[in-house]
């Protein structure tokens, strides 16, 4: 049990994990499911393990490069509880157009001249999880002057 606790602390020292994510990493080394659950409970009580912090860290890491659809998928894969995911995705949704414009500007920088170029730029943004409305706002050319701060 002590070795499992030390391994968990080493993992948490490197980055934040959700309860689900840490359990996935440790389940092979854990002797039993009850021992693993007890360890996770202990780490949560001590403040080392937090789904909220892990979700916020994931959002900070990906929000500037990905849209809300992709973030939602990442939250599901990491086992972020629905209530936490919902509140953080609302924050991301408020900044999605700005993030979409930044991603688009880094890759392309100028509006498409042909339908083929437009489709390529739309696919690029869609593959990064940006919604249709965000893609339309970015490629519609209605970018505001508040972009450069």
C-alpha atoms as a PDB file:
ATOM      1  CA  UNK A   1       0.000   0.000   0.000  1.00  0.00           C
ATOM      2  CA  UNK A   2       2.882   2.357   0.799  1.00  0.00           C
ATOM      3  CA  UNK A   3       4.447   1.777  -2.629  1.00  0.00           C
ATOM      4  CA  UNK A   4       1.118   2.513  -4.298  1.00  0.00           C
ATOM      5  CA  UNK A   5       0.763   5.708  -2.267  1.00  0.00           C
ATOM      6  CA  UNK A   6       4.269   6.814  -3.266  1.00  0.00           C
ATOM      7  CA  UNK A   7       3.568   6.050  -6.927  1.00  0.00           C
ATOM      8  CA  UNK A   8       0.350   8.100  -6.763  1.00  0.00           C
ATOM      9  CA  UNK A   9       2.184  11.042  -5.222  1.00  0.00           C
ATOM     10  CA  UNK A  10       4.892  10.868  -7.908  1.00  0.00           C
ATOM     11  CA  UNK A  11       2.238  10.953 -10.624  1.00  0.00           C
ATOM     12  CA  UNK A  12       0.397  13.846  -8.954  1.00  0.00           C
ATOM     13  CA  UNK A  13       3.653  15.773  -8.563  1.00  0.00           C
ATOM     14  CA  UNK A  14       4.027  15.860 -12.351  1.00  0.00           C
ATOM     15  CA  UNK A  15       0.486  16.939 -13.245  1.00  0.00           C
ATOM     16  CA  UNK A  16      -3.109  17.046 -12.056  1.00  0.00           C
ATOM     17  CA  UNK A  17      -5.235  13.923 -12.477  1.00  0.00           C
ATOM     18  CA  UNK A  18      -8.918  13.333 -12.108  1.00  0.00           C
ATOM     19  CA  UNK A  19      -9.958  10.555  -9.769  1.00  0.00           C
ATOM     20  CA  UNK A  20     -10.819   8.426 -12.813  1.00  0.00           C
ATOM     21  CA  UNK A  21      -7.496   9.193 -14.522  1.00  0.00           C
ATOM     22  CA  UNK A  22      -5.386   8.363 -11.501  1.00  0.00           C
ATOM     23  CA  UNK A  23      -7.363   5.176 -10.853  1.00  0.00           C
ATOM     24  CA  UNK A  24      -6.703   4.108 -14.458  1.00  0.00           C
ATOM     25  CA  UNK A  25      -2.980   4.650 -14.036  1.00  0.00           C
ATOM     26  CA  UNK A  26      -2.805   2.780 -10.731  1.00  0.00           C
ATOM     27  CA  UNK A  27      -5.260  -0.080 -11.232  1.00  0.00           C
ATOM     28  CA  UNK A  28      -2.597  -2.543 -12.461  1.00  0.00           C
ATOM     29  CA  UNK A  29      -0.413  -1.937  -9.412  1.00  0.00           C
ATOM     30  CA  UNK A  30      -3.245  -1.922  -6.862  1.00  0.00           C
ATOM     31  CA  UNK A  31      -3.811  -5.152  -5.005  1.00  0.00           C
ATOM     32  CA  UNK A  32      -7.569  -4.700  -4.940  1.00  0.00           C
ATOM     33  CA  UNK A  33     -10.216  -2.233  -5.989  1.00  0.00           C
ATOM     34  CA  UNK A  34     -11.072  -1.441  -2.369  1.00  0.00           C
ATOM     35  CA  UNK A  35      -7.430  -0.571  -1.586  1.00  0.00           C
ATOM     36  CA  UNK A  36      -7.327   1.691  -4.617  1.00  0.00           C
ATOM     37  CA  UNK A  37     -10.578   3.425  -3.634  1.00  0.00           C
ATOM     38  CA  UNK A  38      -9.281   3.924  -0.098  1.00  0.00           C
ATOM     39  CA  UNK A  39      -6.081   5.470  -1.442  1.00  0.00           C
ATOM     40  CA  UNK A  40      -8.015   7.787  -3.757  1.00  0.00           C
ATOM     41  CA  UNK A  41     -10.279   8.845  -0.885  1.00  0.00           C
ATOM     42  CA  UNK A  42      -7.228   9.555   1.262  1.00  0.00           C
ATOM     43  CA  UNK A  43      -5.576  11.630  -1.484  1.00  0.00           C
ATOM     44  CA  UNK A  44      -8.778  13.645  -1.956  1.00  0.00           C
ATOM     45  CA  UNK A  45      -9.054  14.303   1.783  1.00  0.00           C
ATOM     46  CA  UNK A  46      -5.439  15.452   1.895  1.00  0.00           C
ATOM     47  CA  UNK A  47      -6.056  17.799  -1.046  1.00  0.00           C
ATOM     48  CA  UNK A  48      -3.651  16.082  -3.423  1.00  0.00           C
ATOM     49  CA  UNK A  49      -6.357  14.869  -5.795  1.00  0.00           C
ATOM     50  CA  UNK A  50      -9.050  17.162  -7.171  1.00  0.00           C
ATOM     51  CA  UNK A  51     -11.306  16.713 -10.188  1.00  0.00           C
ATOM     52  CA  UNK A  52     -11.891  20.479 -10.268  1.00  0.00           C
ATOM     53  CA  UNK A  53      -8.175  21.330 -10.406  1.00  0.00           C
ATOM     54  CA  UNK A  54      -7.520  18.630 -12.993  1.00  0.00           C
ATOM     55  CA  UNK A  55     -10.325  19.921 -15.210  1.00  0.00           C
ATOM     56  CA  UNK A  56      -9.114  23.512 -14.880  1.00  0.00           C
ATOM     57  CA  UNK A  57      -5.577  22.446 -15.796  1.00  0.00           C
ATOM     58  CA  UNK A  58      -6.876  20.574 -18.829  1.00  0.00           C
ATOM     59  CA  UNK A  59      -8.889  23.625 -19.863  1.00  0.00           C
ATOM     60  CA  UNK A  60      -5.866  25.942 -19.505  1.00  0.00           C
ATOM     61  CA  UNK A  61      -3.753  23.554 -21.550  1.00  0.00           C
ATOM     62  CA  UNK A  62      -6.183  23.116 -24.436  1.00  0.00           C
ATOM     63  CA  UNK A  63      -8.579  26.096 -24.532  1.00  0.00           C
ATOM     64  CA  UNK A  64      -6.397  28.259 -26.762  1.00  0.00           C
ATOM     65  CA  UNK A  65      -5.948  25.528 -29.383  1.00  0.00           C
ATOM     66  CA  UNK A  66      -9.253  23.649 -29.307  1.00  0.00           C
ATOM     67  CA  UNK A  67     -12.933  24.387 -29.467  1.00  0.00           C
ATOM     68  CA  UNK A  68     -15.642  23.484 -27.003  1.00  0.00           C
ATOM     69  CA  UNK A  69     -16.545  20.253 -28.804  1.00  0.00           C
ATOM     70  CA  UNK A  70     -12.983  18.954 -28.491  1.00  0.00           C
ATOM     71  CA  UNK A  71     -12.735  20.123 -24.869  1.00  0.00           C
ATOM     72  CA  UNK A  72     -15.954  18.277 -24.060  1.00  0.00           C
ATOM     73  CA  UNK A  73     -14.493  15.121 -25.576  1.00  0.00           C
ATOM     74  CA  UNK A  74     -11.255  15.550 -23.599  1.00  0.00           C
ATOM     75  CA  UNK A  75     -13.226  16.034 -20.366  1.00  0.00           C
ATOM     76  CA  UNK A  76     -15.167  12.834 -21.015  1.00  0.00           C
ATOM     77  CA  UNK A  77     -12.000  10.859 -21.721  1.00  0.00           C
ATOM     78  CA  UNK A  78     -10.386  12.118 -18.521  1.00  0.00           C
ATOM     79  CA  UNK A  79     -13.444  11.303 -16.419  1.00  0.00           C
ATOM     80  CA  UNK A  80     -14.282  14.874 -15.400  1.00  0.00           C
ATOM     81  CA  UNK A  81     -17.636  14.909 -13.572  1.00  0.00           C
ATOM     82  CA  UNK A  82     -20.475  16.374 -15.644  1.00  0.00           C
ATOM     83  CA  UNK A  83     -21.214  19.295 -13.309  1.00  0.00           C
ATOM     84  CA  UNK A  84     -17.597  20.471 -13.365  1.00  0.00           C
ATOM     85  CA  UNK A  85     -17.332  19.980 -17.126  1.00  0.00           C
ATOM     86  CA  UNK A  86     -20.536  21.926 -17.736  1.00  0.00           C
ATOM     87  CA  UNK A  87     -19.377  24.994 -15.808  1.00  0.00           C
ATOM     88  CA  UNK A  88     -15.911  25.027 -17.380  1.00  0.00           C
ATOM     89  CA  UNK A  89     -17.271  24.509 -20.885  1.00  0.00           C
ATOM     90  CA  UNK A  90     -19.514  27.547 -20.415  1.00  0.00           C
ATOM     91  CA  UNK A  91     -16.405  29.614 -19.704  1.00  0.00           C
ATOM     92  CA  UNK A  92     -14.688  28.184 -22.773  1.00  0.00           C
ATOM     93  CA  UNK A  93     -17.761  28.798 -24.921  1.00  0.00           C
ATOM     94  CA  UNK A  94     -17.587  32.499 -24.062  1.00  0.00           C
ATOM     95  CA  UNK A  95     -14.034  32.664 -25.470  1.00  0.00           C
ATOM     96  CA  UNK A  96     -14.413  30.184 -28.324  1.00  0.00           C
ATOM     97  CA  UNK A  97     -14.623  32.713 -31.161  1.00  0.00           C
ATOM     98  CA  UNK A  98     -11.515  34.487 -29.925  1.00  0.00           C
ATOM     99  CA  UNK A  99      -9.659  31.160 -29.670  1.00  0.00           C
ATOM    100  CA  UNK A 100     -10.888  30.135 -33.125  1.00  0.00           C
ATOM    101  CA  UNK A 101      -9.609  33.368 -34.625  1.00  0.00           C
ATOM    102  CA  UNK A 102      -6.227  32.891 -32.975  1.00  0.00           C
ATOM    103  CA  UNK A 103      -5.900  29.293 -34.213  1.00  0.00           C
ATOM    104  CA  UNK A 104      -7.007  30.308 -37.696  1.00  0.00           C
ATOM    105  CA  UNK A 105      -4.619  33.302 -37.795  1.00  0.00           C
ATOM    106  CA  UNK A 106      -1.625  31.159 -36.793  1.00  0.00           C
ATOM    107  CA  UNK A 107      -2.352  28.630 -39.533  1.00  0.00           C
ATOM    108  CA  UNK A 108      -3.777  30.713 -42.373  1.00  0.00           C
ATOM    109  CA  UNK A 109      -3.803  34.456 -41.690  1.00  0.00           C
ATOM    110  CA  UNK A 110      -5.891  35.417 -44.695  1.00  0.00           C
ATOM    111  CA  UNK A 111      -9.433  34.696 -45.758  1.00  0.00           C
ATOM    112  CA  UNK A 112      -9.877  31.959 -48.369  1.00  0.00           C
ATOM    113  CA  UNK A 113     -10.074  33.032 -51.994  1.00  0.00           C
ATOM    114  CA  UNK A 114     -11.615  29.872 -53.426  1.00  0.00           C
ATOM    115  CA  UNK A 115     -14.290  27.463 -52.276  1.00  0.00           C
ATOM    116  CA  UNK A 116     -11.651  24.764 -51.949  1.00  0.00           C
ATOM    117  CA  UNK A 117      -9.537  26.933 -49.655  1.00  0.00           C
ATOM    118  CA  UNK A 118     -12.618  27.808 -47.603  1.00  0.00           C
ATOM    119  CA  UNK A 119     -13.496  24.123 -47.207  1.00  0.00           C
ATOM    120  CA  UNK A 120      -9.930  23.331 -46.146  1.00  0.00           C
ATOM    121  CA  UNK A 121      -9.942  26.083 -43.532  1.00  0.00           C
ATOM    122  CA  UNK A 122     -13.353  24.984 -42.278  1.00  0.00           C
ATOM    123  CA  UNK A 123     -12.146  21.376 -41.916  1.00  0.00           C
ATOM    124  CA  UNK A 124      -9.057  22.541 -40.071  1.00  0.00           C
ATOM    125  CA  UNK A 125     -11.138  24.412 -37.491  1.00  0.00           C
ATOM    126  CA  UNK A 126     -13.745  21.644 -37.261  1.00  0.00           C
ATOM    127  CA  UNK A 127     -11.031  19.061 -36.590  1.00  0.00           C
ATOM    128  CA  UNK A 128      -9.937  21.153 -33.628  1.00  0.00           C
ATOM    129  CA  UNK A 129     -13.409  21.050 -32.144  1.00  0.00           C
ATOM    130  CA  UNK A 130     -14.746  24.475 -33.063  1.00  0.00           C
ATOM    131  CA  UNK A 131     -18.492  24.756 -33.559  1.00  0.00           C
ATOM    132  CA  UNK A 132     -20.130  25.700 -36.842  1.00  0.00           C
ATOM    133  CA  UNK A 133     -21.114  29.103 -35.506  1.00  0.00           C
ATOM    134  CA  UNK A 134     -17.524  29.806 -34.456  1.00  0.00           C
ATOM    135  CA  UNK A 135     -16.198  28.691 -37.838  1.00  0.00           C
ATOM    136  CA  UNK A 136     -18.730  30.950 -39.559  1.00  0.00           C
ATOM    137  CA  UNK A 137     -17.706  33.880 -37.347  1.00  0.00           C
ATOM    138  CA  UNK A 138     -14.013  33.303 -38.056  1.00  0.00           C
ATOM    139  CA  UNK A 139     -14.288  32.765 -41.804  1.00  0.00           C
ATOM    140  CA  UNK A 140     -17.101  35.247 -42.293  1.00  0.00           C
ATOM    141  CA  UNK A 141     -14.546  37.998 -41.960  1.00  0.00           C
ATOM    142  CA  UNK A 142     -16.408  39.731 -39.137  1.00  0.00           C
ATOM    143  CA  UNK A 143     -13.383  39.753 -36.871  1.00  0.00           C
ATOM    144  CA  UNK A 144     -13.448  42.665 -34.499  1.00  0.00           C
ATOM    145  CA  UNK A 145     -10.669  45.128 -33.900  1.00  0.00           C
ATOM    146  CA  UNK A 146     -10.502  43.998 -30.277  1.00  0.00           C
ATOM    147  CA  UNK A 147      -8.428  41.007 -31.364  1.00  0.00           C
ATOM    148  CA  UNK A 148      -5.083  42.693 -30.777  1.00  0.00           C
ATOM    149  CA  UNK A 149      -4.613  43.730 -27.194  1.00  0.00           C
END
